[in-house]
């Protein structure tokens, strides 16, 4: 067996072991659940509630946009005017709510 084939075989084996290890252990993230409820009124006037929402992850307001948001969690929430947690945002404190004149498309909780 020549050196090139040995190196290729070694690299494939190492890559497979690394991939298996990552799948077994999972990738570490900083996301965890906030305690409490994030509530909002959708564009059609329907009330929605998300209990113990994930912190540190961009979320959407289900199948709607939010026109009135109430934060009853133990964390602050950034409310974005665009999908994907991009663009202008409003920083909503704990136990606070928004007015009903702005439309929000996505959010991210943080401590």
N, C-alpha and C. Protein backbone atom coordinates (compact mmCIF):
# COMPACT_ATOMS: atom_id res chain seq x y z
N UNK A 1 0.86 -1.18 0.00
CA UNK A 1 0.00 0.00 0.00
C UNK A 1 0.90 1.24 0.00
N UNK A 2 0.57 2.20 -0.83
CA UNK A 2 1.44 3.38 -0.87
C UNK A 2 1.01 4.40 0.19
N UNK A 3 1.84 5.41 0.39
CA UNK A 3 1.64 6.40 1.44
C UNK A 3 0.35 7.20 1.21
N UNK A 4 0.07 7.57 -0.02
CA UNK A 4 -1.12 8.37 -0.33
C UNK A 4 -2.40 7.63 0.08
N UNK A 5 -2.50 6.35 -0.19
CA UNK A 5 -3.67 5.58 0.19
C UNK A 5 -3.78 5.45 1.70
N UNK A 6 -2.65 5.32 2.37
CA UNK A 6 -2.65 5.21 3.84
C UNK A 6 -3.16 6.50 4.48
N UNK A 7 -2.69 7.64 3.98
CA UNK A 7 -3.12 8.94 4.51
C UNK A 7 -4.61 9.15 4.25
N UNK A 8 -5.06 8.81 3.06
CA UNK A 8 -6.47 8.96 2.72
C UNK A 8 -7.34 8.08 3.63
N UNK A 9 -6.92 6.85 3.82
CA UNK A 9 -7.67 5.93 4.69
C UNK A 9 -7.71 6.44 6.12
N UNK A 10 -6.58 6.95 6.62
CA UNK A 10 -6.50 7.50 7.97
C UNK A 10 -7.42 8.71 8.12
N UNK A 11 -7.41 9.61 7.13
CA UNK A 11 -8.25 10.82 7.18
C UNK A 11 -9.73 10.44 7.18
N UNK A 12 -10.11 9.47 6.38
CA UNK A 12 -11.52 9.04 6.35
C UNK A 12 -11.93 8.44 7.69
N UNK A 13 -11.07 7.61 8.26
CA UNK A 13 -11.37 6.99 9.55
C UNK A 13 -11.49 8.05 10.64
N UNK A 14 -10.57 9.00 10.66
CA UNK A 14 -10.62 10.07 11.65
C UNK A 14 -11.88 10.91 11.48
N UNK A 15 -12.24 11.23 10.25
CA UNK A 15 -13.45 12.00 9.98
C UNK A 15 -14.70 11.26 10.42
N UNK A 16 -14.74 9.97 10.17
CA UNK A 16 -15.90 9.17 10.58
C UNK A 16 -16.01 9.12 12.10
N UNK A 17 -14.88 8.95 12.78
CA UNK A 17 -14.90 8.93 14.25
C UNK A 17 -15.33 10.27 14.83
N UNK A 18 -14.85 11.35 14.26
CA UNK A 18 -15.24 12.68 14.72
C UNK A 18 -16.73 12.90 14.50
N UNK A 19 -17.24 12.53 13.34
CA UNK A 19 -18.66 12.68 13.06
C UNK A 19 -19.52 11.86 14.01
N UNK A 20 -19.10 10.63 14.29
CA UNK A 20 -19.85 9.78 15.22
C UNK A 20 -19.83 10.36 16.63
N UNK A 21 -18.69 10.91 17.03
CA UNK A 21 -18.59 11.52 18.36
C UNK A 21 -19.51 12.72 18.48
N UNK A 22 -19.54 13.57 17.47
CA UNK A 22 -20.41 14.75 17.51
C UNK A 22 -21.88 14.34 17.53
N UNK A 23 -22.25 13.33 16.78
CA UNK A 23 -23.63 12.86 16.79
C UNK A 23 -24.00 12.26 18.14
N UNK A 24 -23.08 11.57 18.76
CA UNK A 24 -23.35 10.94 20.05
C UNK A 24 -23.45 11.97 21.17
N UNK A 25 -22.52 12.91 21.21
CA UNK A 25 -22.48 13.89 22.28
C UNK A 25 -23.37 15.09 22.03
N UNK A 26 -23.64 15.38 20.78
CA UNK A 26 -24.41 16.57 20.44
C UNK A 26 -23.53 17.80 20.46
N UNK A 27 -24.00 18.84 19.81
CA UNK A 27 -23.26 20.09 19.80
C UNK A 27 -23.73 20.96 20.94
N UNK A 28 -22.83 21.56 21.66
CA UNK A 28 -23.18 22.40 22.80
C UNK A 28 -23.73 23.73 22.32
N UNK A 29 -24.81 24.19 22.93
CA UNK A 29 -25.37 25.50 22.62
C UNK A 29 -25.63 26.25 23.92
N UNK A 30 -25.82 27.54 23.82
CA UNK A 30 -26.11 28.34 24.99
C UNK A 30 -27.61 28.50 25.21
N UNK A 31 -28.42 27.84 24.43
CA UNK A 31 -29.87 28.00 24.52
C UNK A 31 -30.43 27.21 25.70
N UNK A 32 -31.34 27.82 26.42
CA UNK A 32 -32.07 27.17 27.49
C UNK A 32 -33.42 27.84 27.60
N UNK A 33 -34.30 27.26 28.35
CA UNK A 33 -35.66 27.79 28.42
C UNK A 33 -35.76 28.90 29.46
N UNK A 34 -36.45 29.96 29.09
CA UNK A 34 -36.82 31.00 30.05
C UNK A 34 -37.98 30.46 30.87
N UNK A 35 -38.21 31.04 32.03
CA UNK A 35 -39.32 30.63 32.87
C UNK A 35 -40.43 31.66 32.72
N UNK A 36 -41.63 31.19 32.42
CA UNK A 36 -42.77 32.09 32.29
C UNK A 36 -43.42 31.98 30.92
N UNK A 37 -44.19 33.01 30.58
CA UNK A 37 -44.94 32.99 29.33
C UNK A 37 -44.66 34.23 28.49
N UNK A 38 -44.55 34.00 27.19
CA UNK A 38 -44.51 35.08 26.21
C UNK A 38 -45.86 35.04 25.50
N UNK A 39 -46.61 36.11 25.59
CA UNK A 39 -47.95 36.16 25.01
C UNK A 39 -48.00 37.23 23.95
N UNK A 40 -48.83 37.00 22.91
CA UNK A 40 -48.98 38.00 21.86
C UNK A 40 -50.34 37.88 21.21
N UNK A 41 -50.74 38.97 20.60
CA UNK A 41 -51.95 39.01 19.79
C UNK A 41 -51.50 39.02 18.33
N UNK A 42 -52.04 38.08 17.56
CA UNK A 42 -51.68 37.99 16.15
C UNK A 42 -52.40 39.03 15.32
N UNK A 43 -52.04 39.10 14.06
CA UNK A 43 -52.60 40.10 13.16
C UNK A 43 -54.10 39.93 12.95
N UNK A 44 -54.64 38.73 13.19
CA UNK A 44 -56.08 38.48 13.05
C UNK A 44 -56.82 38.61 14.38
N UNK A 45 -56.12 39.07 15.43
CA UNK A 45 -56.75 39.25 16.73
C UNK A 45 -56.75 38.01 17.61
N UNK A 46 -56.09 36.94 17.19
CA UNK A 46 -56.02 35.70 17.97
C UNK A 46 -54.92 35.83 19.02
N UNK A 47 -55.23 35.38 20.25
CA UNK A 47 -54.25 35.40 21.34
C UNK A 47 -53.40 34.13 21.30
N UNK A 48 -52.09 34.28 21.49
CA UNK A 48 -51.16 33.16 21.49
C UNK A 48 -50.33 33.21 22.76
N UNK A 49 -49.88 32.04 23.23
CA UNK A 49 -49.00 31.96 24.40
C UNK A 49 -47.93 30.91 24.14
N UNK A 50 -46.71 31.23 24.47
CA UNK A 50 -45.62 30.27 24.44
C UNK A 50 -45.08 30.18 25.87
N UNK A 51 -45.19 29.02 26.48
CA UNK A 51 -44.74 28.81 27.86
C UNK A 51 -43.29 28.34 27.87
N UNK A 52 -42.49 28.93 28.74
CA UNK A 52 -41.07 28.63 28.87
C UNK A 52 -40.36 28.62 27.51
N UNK A 53 -40.40 29.74 26.79
CA UNK A 53 -39.77 29.79 25.46
C UNK A 53 -38.25 29.65 25.55
N UNK A 54 -37.66 29.16 24.49
CA UNK A 54 -36.21 28.95 24.43
C UNK A 54 -35.50 30.30 24.38
N UNK A 55 -34.47 30.43 25.17
CA UNK A 55 -33.69 31.66 25.23
C UNK A 55 -32.50 31.57 24.29
N UNK A 56 -32.12 32.70 23.71
CA UNK A 56 -30.93 32.75 22.86
C UNK A 56 -31.14 32.27 21.44
N UNK A 57 -32.36 31.91 21.08
CA UNK A 57 -32.66 31.38 19.76
C UNK A 57 -33.70 32.27 19.10
N UNK A 58 -33.54 32.53 17.82
CA UNK A 58 -34.51 33.34 17.09
C UNK A 58 -35.81 32.54 16.94
N UNK A 59 -36.92 33.15 17.34
CA UNK A 59 -38.23 32.51 17.23
C UNK A 59 -39.18 33.36 16.41
N UNK A 60 -40.22 32.71 15.90
CA UNK A 60 -41.27 33.43 15.17
C UNK A 60 -42.57 33.34 15.95
N UNK A 61 -43.49 34.16 15.61
CA UNK A 61 -44.79 34.19 16.27
C UNK A 61 -45.76 33.23 15.58
N UNK A 62 -45.37 31.98 15.53
CA UNK A 62 -46.13 30.89 14.91
C UNK A 62 -46.46 31.24 13.47
N UNK A 63 -47.71 31.16 13.08
CA UNK A 63 -48.10 31.43 11.69
C UNK A 63 -48.66 32.83 11.50
N UNK A 64 -48.22 33.76 12.32
CA UNK A 64 -48.76 35.11 12.26
C UNK A 64 -47.66 36.11 12.59
N UNK A 65 -48.01 37.37 12.63
CA UNK A 65 -47.14 38.41 13.15
C UNK A 65 -47.78 38.94 14.41
N UNK A 66 -46.99 39.52 15.27
CA UNK A 66 -47.50 40.00 16.55
C UNK A 66 -47.75 41.50 16.50
N UNK A 67 -48.90 41.90 17.01
CA UNK A 67 -49.21 43.32 17.08
C UNK A 67 -49.24 43.83 18.52
N UNK A 68 -49.25 42.91 19.49
CA UNK A 68 -49.26 43.29 20.90
C UNK A 68 -48.58 42.16 21.67
N UNK A 69 -47.43 42.44 22.29
CA UNK A 69 -46.63 41.41 22.95
C UNK A 69 -46.56 41.71 24.44
N UNK A 70 -46.75 40.64 25.25
CA UNK A 70 -46.63 40.73 26.70
C UNK A 70 -45.56 39.74 27.15
N UNK A 71 -44.56 40.26 27.86
CA UNK A 71 -43.44 39.43 28.32
C UNK A 71 -43.61 39.11 29.80
N UNK A 72 -44.03 37.89 30.10
CA UNK A 72 -44.18 37.44 31.48
C UNK A 72 -43.15 36.35 31.78
N UNK A 73 -41.93 36.52 31.23
CA UNK A 73 -40.84 35.59 31.49
C UNK A 73 -39.84 36.24 32.44
N UNK A 74 -38.83 35.45 32.83
CA UNK A 74 -37.78 35.97 33.70
C UNK A 74 -36.61 36.56 32.90
N UNK A 75 -36.84 36.82 31.60
CA UNK A 75 -35.80 37.39 30.74
C UNK A 75 -36.35 38.52 29.89
N UNK A 76 -35.43 39.30 29.35
CA UNK A 76 -35.81 40.35 28.40
C UNK A 76 -36.02 39.70 27.04
N UNK A 77 -36.72 40.40 26.16
CA UNK A 77 -36.95 39.86 24.82
C UNK A 77 -36.73 40.98 23.79
N UNK A 78 -36.00 40.64 22.74
CA UNK A 78 -35.82 41.57 21.62
C UNK A 78 -36.89 41.24 20.58
N UNK A 79 -37.67 42.22 20.19
CA UNK A 79 -38.73 42.05 19.20
C UNK A 79 -38.26 42.69 17.90
N UNK A 80 -38.26 41.92 16.83
CA UNK A 80 -37.71 42.39 15.55
C UNK A 80 -38.81 42.72 14.55
N UNK A 81 -38.56 43.72 13.74
CA UNK A 81 -39.50 44.16 12.71
C UNK A 81 -39.37 43.35 11.42
N UNK A 82 -38.46 42.36 11.40
CA UNK A 82 -38.27 41.50 10.24
C UNK A 82 -38.14 40.05 10.70
N UNK A 83 -38.39 39.12 9.78
CA UNK A 83 -38.16 37.71 10.07
C UNK A 83 -36.67 37.46 10.24
N UNK A 84 -36.32 36.38 10.93
CA UNK A 84 -34.92 36.01 11.08
C UNK A 84 -34.16 36.83 12.10
N UNK A 85 -34.88 37.52 12.97
CA UNK A 85 -34.25 38.35 14.01
C UNK A 85 -33.22 39.31 13.41
N UNK A 86 -33.64 40.04 12.41
CA UNK A 86 -32.76 41.03 11.78
C UNK A 86 -33.49 42.36 11.67
N UNK A 87 -32.72 43.38 11.42
CA UNK A 87 -33.30 44.72 11.27
C UNK A 87 -33.53 45.41 12.60
N UNK A 88 -34.40 46.39 12.59
CA UNK A 88 -34.71 47.16 13.79
C UNK A 88 -35.39 46.27 14.82
N UNK A 89 -35.13 46.55 16.08
CA UNK A 89 -35.74 45.78 17.16
C UNK A 89 -36.15 46.68 18.32
N UNK A 90 -37.01 46.12 19.16
CA UNK A 90 -37.44 46.79 20.39
C UNK A 90 -37.07 45.88 21.54
N UNK A 91 -36.45 46.42 22.57
CA UNK A 91 -36.02 45.66 23.74
C UNK A 91 -37.11 45.72 24.80
N UNK A 92 -37.80 44.59 25.00
CA UNK A 92 -38.94 44.54 25.92
C UNK A 92 -38.50 43.93 27.25
N UNK A 93 -38.67 44.69 28.33
CA UNK A 93 -38.24 44.25 29.65
C UNK A 93 -39.16 43.16 30.22
N UNK A 94 -38.74 42.55 31.31
CA UNK A 94 -39.55 41.56 32.00
C UNK A 94 -40.82 42.22 32.52
N UNK A 95 -41.94 41.52 32.44
CA UNK A 95 -43.25 42.01 32.90
C UNK A 95 -43.69 43.28 32.20
N UNK A 96 -43.25 43.47 30.96
CA UNK A 96 -43.64 44.65 30.18
C UNK A 96 -44.43 44.21 28.94
N UNK A 97 -45.09 45.18 28.31
CA UNK A 97 -45.83 44.89 27.08
C UNK A 97 -45.62 46.02 26.08
N UNK A 98 -45.91 45.73 24.82
CA UNK A 98 -45.76 46.72 23.76
C UNK A 98 -47.07 47.46 23.56
N UNK A 99 -47.02 48.52 22.76
CA UNK A 99 -48.25 49.14 22.32
C UNK A 99 -48.82 48.31 21.18
N UNK A 100 -49.94 48.69 20.63
CA UNK A 100 -50.58 47.88 19.60
C UNK A 100 -50.43 48.48 18.21
N UNK A 101 -49.45 49.34 18.02
CA UNK A 101 -49.30 50.01 16.72
C UNK A 101 -48.15 49.47 15.88
N UNK A 102 -47.29 48.64 16.46
CA UNK A 102 -46.13 48.12 15.73
C UNK A 102 -46.29 46.64 15.47
N UNK A 103 -45.87 46.18 14.31
CA UNK A 103 -45.93 44.77 13.96
C UNK A 103 -44.54 44.15 14.11
N UNK A 104 -44.47 43.01 14.80
CA UNK A 104 -43.21 42.29 15.01
C UNK A 104 -43.28 40.93 14.33
N UNK A 105 -42.16 40.51 13.76
CA UNK A 105 -42.10 39.27 13.00
C UNK A 105 -41.29 38.15 13.66
N UNK A 106 -40.36 38.51 14.53
CA UNK A 106 -39.53 37.50 15.20
C UNK A 106 -39.04 38.05 16.53
N UNK A 107 -38.51 37.15 17.35
CA UNK A 107 -38.06 37.56 18.69
C UNK A 107 -36.88 36.70 19.14
N UNK A 108 -36.15 37.21 20.15
CA UNK A 108 -35.06 36.46 20.80
C UNK A 108 -35.04 36.86 22.26
N UNK A 109 -35.17 35.88 23.17
CA UNK A 109 -35.07 36.14 24.60
C UNK A 109 -33.61 36.11 25.03
N UNK A 110 -33.28 36.90 26.03
CA UNK A 110 -31.92 36.91 26.58
C UNK A 110 -31.98 37.34 28.04
N UNK A 111 -30.93 36.97 28.78
CA UNK A 111 -30.91 37.34 30.20
C UNK A 111 -30.02 38.53 30.44
